């Protein structure tokens, strides 16, 4: 499958399909950028990445009397 065919199958743009393939570390099976049809399932859901959320601070404990 080409990147255009993968993008059509997933209803995404070709550049998004290419980026997902790069992030997943999937290499083409031939020189002309042909991919195995199983990559469609492999890149269907991809982690968005980015910075993890900050940890919430614990509430301050009141001093004992």
N, C-alpha and C. Protein backbone atom coordinates (compact mmCIF):
# COMPACT_ATOMS: atom_id res chain seq x y z
N UNK A 1 0.84 -1.18 0.00
CA UNK A 1 0.00 0.00 0.00
C UNK A 1 0.89 1.25 0.00
N UNK A 2 0.44 2.27 -0.66
CA UNK A 2 1.16 3.53 -0.64
C UNK A 2 0.64 4.39 0.52
N UNK A 3 1.32 5.48 0.80
CA UNK A 3 0.89 6.37 1.87
C UNK A 3 -0.49 6.95 1.54
N UNK A 4 -0.73 7.26 0.26
CA UNK A 4 -2.04 7.78 -0.13
C UNK A 4 -3.15 6.76 0.12
N UNK A 5 -2.89 5.49 -0.17
CA UNK A 5 -3.88 4.45 0.07
C UNK A 5 -4.13 4.25 1.57
N UNK A 6 -3.08 4.32 2.37
CA UNK A 6 -3.22 4.19 3.82
C UNK A 6 -4.04 5.37 4.36
N UNK A 7 -3.74 6.58 3.88
CA UNK A 7 -4.46 7.76 4.32
C UNK A 7 -5.94 7.67 3.96
N UNK A 8 -6.25 7.18 2.78
CA UNK A 8 -7.64 7.03 2.37
C UNK A 8 -8.35 6.00 3.24
N UNK A 9 -7.69 4.92 3.58
CA UNK A 9 -8.29 3.88 4.40
C UNK A 9 -8.59 4.37 5.81
N UNK A 10 -7.76 5.28 6.32
CA UNK A 10 -7.94 5.79 7.69
C UNK A 10 -8.67 7.13 7.73
N UNK A 11 -9.00 7.68 6.56
CA UNK A 11 -9.69 8.98 6.47
C UNK A 11 -8.86 10.09 7.13
N UNK A 12 -7.56 10.10 6.82
CA UNK A 12 -6.65 11.13 7.31
C UNK A 12 -5.85 11.65 6.12
N UNK A 13 -5.10 12.72 6.33
CA UNK A 13 -4.29 13.26 5.24
C UNK A 13 -3.04 12.40 5.04
N UNK A 14 -2.46 12.43 3.85
CA UNK A 14 -1.23 11.67 3.61
C UNK A 14 -0.08 12.08 4.54
N UNK A 15 0.01 13.38 4.85
CA UNK A 15 1.09 13.80 5.74
C UNK A 15 0.90 13.24 7.15
N UNK A 16 -0.34 13.13 7.60
CA UNK A 16 -0.61 12.53 8.91
C UNK A 16 -0.26 11.05 8.90
N UNK A 17 -0.62 10.36 7.83
CA UNK A 17 -0.28 8.94 7.70
C UNK A 17 1.23 8.75 7.71
N UNK A 18 1.94 9.60 6.99
CA UNK A 18 3.40 9.50 6.94
C UNK A 18 4.00 9.73 8.32
N UNK A 19 3.51 10.73 9.04
CA UNK A 19 4.03 11.04 10.37
C UNK A 19 3.76 9.88 11.33
N UNK A 20 2.57 9.29 11.25
CA UNK A 20 2.25 8.15 12.12
C UNK A 20 3.16 6.96 11.84
N UNK A 21 3.45 6.74 10.56
CA UNK A 21 4.36 5.65 10.20
C UNK A 21 5.76 5.91 10.77
N UNK A 22 6.21 7.16 10.70
CA UNK A 22 7.52 7.51 11.26
C UNK A 22 7.55 7.30 12.77
N UNK A 23 6.51 7.78 13.47
CA UNK A 23 6.47 7.65 14.92
C UNK A 23 6.41 6.19 15.36
N UNK A 24 5.73 5.37 14.58
CA UNK A 24 5.63 3.95 14.92
C UNK A 24 6.89 3.19 14.53
N UNK A 25 7.79 3.83 13.80
CA UNK A 25 9.04 3.19 13.40
C UNK A 25 8.85 2.15 12.30
N UNK A 26 7.81 2.32 11.50
CA UNK A 26 7.51 1.36 10.44
C UNK A 26 8.20 1.82 9.16
N UNK A 27 9.00 0.93 8.60
CA UNK A 27 9.74 1.22 7.38
C UNK A 27 9.01 0.61 6.18
N UNK A 28 9.13 1.22 5.01
CA UNK A 28 8.50 0.64 3.82
C UNK A 28 9.16 -0.69 3.45
N UNK A 29 8.39 -1.55 2.78
CA UNK A 29 8.93 -2.86 2.40
C UNK A 29 9.69 -2.80 1.08
N UNK A 30 9.57 -1.67 0.35
CA UNK A 30 10.31 -1.55 -0.89
C UNK A 30 10.82 -0.13 -1.06
N UNK A 31 11.66 0.06 -2.04
CA UNK A 31 12.28 1.34 -2.31
C UNK A 31 11.24 2.41 -2.67
N UNK A 32 10.15 2.01 -3.28
CA UNK A 32 9.14 2.96 -3.74
C UNK A 32 8.10 3.29 -2.67
N UNK A 33 8.46 3.15 -1.42
CA UNK A 33 7.60 3.48 -0.28
C UNK A 33 6.29 2.71 -0.30
N UNK A 34 6.39 1.41 -0.46
CA UNK A 34 5.23 0.54 -0.37
C UNK A 34 5.23 -0.12 1.00
N UNK A 35 4.07 -0.16 1.62
CA UNK A 35 3.94 -0.70 2.97
C UNK A 35 3.04 -1.92 2.96
N UNK A 36 3.26 -2.79 3.92
CA UNK A 36 2.43 -3.97 4.12
C UNK A 36 1.03 -3.50 4.55
N UNK A 37 -0.04 -4.13 4.08
CA UNK A 37 -1.40 -3.71 4.47
C UNK A 37 -1.66 -3.78 5.98
N UNK A 38 -0.89 -4.53 6.73
CA UNK A 38 -1.11 -4.64 8.17
C UNK A 38 -0.75 -3.35 8.91
N UNK A 39 -0.02 -2.42 8.26
CA UNK A 39 0.33 -1.18 8.94
C UNK A 39 -0.87 -0.30 9.20
N UNK A 40 -1.96 -0.49 8.45
CA UNK A 40 -3.16 0.31 8.68
C UNK A 40 -3.65 0.11 10.10
N UNK A 41 -3.70 -1.12 10.56
CA UNK A 41 -4.13 -1.40 11.93
C UNK A 41 -3.10 -0.91 12.94
N UNK A 42 -1.82 -0.96 12.57
CA UNK A 42 -0.76 -0.57 13.50
C UNK A 42 -0.77 0.93 13.78
N UNK A 43 -1.20 1.75 12.80
CA UNK A 43 -1.16 3.19 13.02
C UNK A 43 -2.55 3.80 13.18
N UNK A 44 -3.56 2.95 13.31
CA UNK A 44 -4.92 3.47 13.44
C UNK A 44 -5.04 4.37 14.67
N UNK A 45 -4.49 3.94 15.79
CA UNK A 45 -4.51 4.73 17.01
C UNK A 45 -3.07 4.95 17.44
N UNK A 46 -2.67 6.20 17.51
CA UNK A 46 -1.31 6.55 17.86
C UNK A 46 -1.33 7.52 19.02
N UNK A 47 -0.43 7.30 19.98
CA UNK A 47 -0.31 8.20 21.12
C UNK A 47 0.05 9.59 20.62
N UNK A 48 -0.61 10.60 21.15
CA UNK A 48 -0.37 11.96 20.71
C UNK A 48 0.97 12.51 21.17
N UNK A 49 1.58 11.88 22.16
CA UNK A 49 2.88 12.34 22.62
C UNK A 49 2.74 13.63 23.40
N UNK A 50 3.77 14.40 23.40
CA UNK A 50 3.73 15.67 24.10
C UNK A 50 4.15 15.54 25.55
N UNK A 51 4.06 16.63 26.24
CA UNK A 51 4.48 16.69 27.63
C UNK A 51 3.39 16.11 28.53
N UNK A 52 3.76 15.28 29.52
CA UNK A 52 2.75 14.74 30.44
C UNK A 52 2.22 15.84 31.36
N UNK A 53 1.01 15.70 31.88
CA UNK A 53 0.46 16.72 32.75
C UNK A 53 1.24 16.83 34.05
N UNK A 54 1.22 18.03 34.64
CA UNK A 54 1.92 18.25 35.90
C UNK A 54 1.21 17.49 37.01
N UNK A 55 1.98 17.04 37.99
CA UNK A 55 1.42 16.36 39.14
C UNK A 55 0.69 17.39 40.01
N UNK A 56 -0.47 17.03 40.51
CA UNK A 56 -1.23 17.96 41.35
C UNK A 56 -0.60 17.98 42.74
N UNK A 57 -0.44 19.16 43.32
CA UNK A 57 0.15 19.23 44.65
C UNK A 57 -0.81 18.66 45.70
N UNK A 58 -0.21 18.05 46.72
CA UNK A 58 -1.05 17.50 47.79
C UNK A 58 -1.53 18.64 48.69
N UNK A 59 -2.74 18.52 49.23
CA UNK A 59 -3.23 19.59 50.09
C UNK A 59 -2.37 19.70 51.35
N UNK A 60 -2.20 20.93 51.82
CA UNK A 60 -1.37 21.18 53.01
C UNK A 60 -2.10 20.65 54.24
N UNK A 61 -1.34 19.99 55.11
CA UNK A 61 -1.91 19.45 56.34
C UNK A 61 -1.92 20.54 57.43
N UNK A 62 -2.99 20.61 58.15
CA UNK A 62 -3.04 21.61 59.23
C UNK A 62 -2.27 21.08 60.45
N UNK A 63 -1.59 21.96 61.18
CA UNK A 63 -0.80 21.51 62.34
C UNK A 63 -1.72 21.02 63.45
N UNK A 64 -1.26 19.99 64.18
CA UNK A 64 -2.04 19.42 65.27
C UNK A 64 -1.93 20.32 66.50
N UNK A 65 -3.01 20.45 67.25
CA UNK A 65 -2.99 21.28 68.47
C UNK A 65 -3.07 20.44 69.69
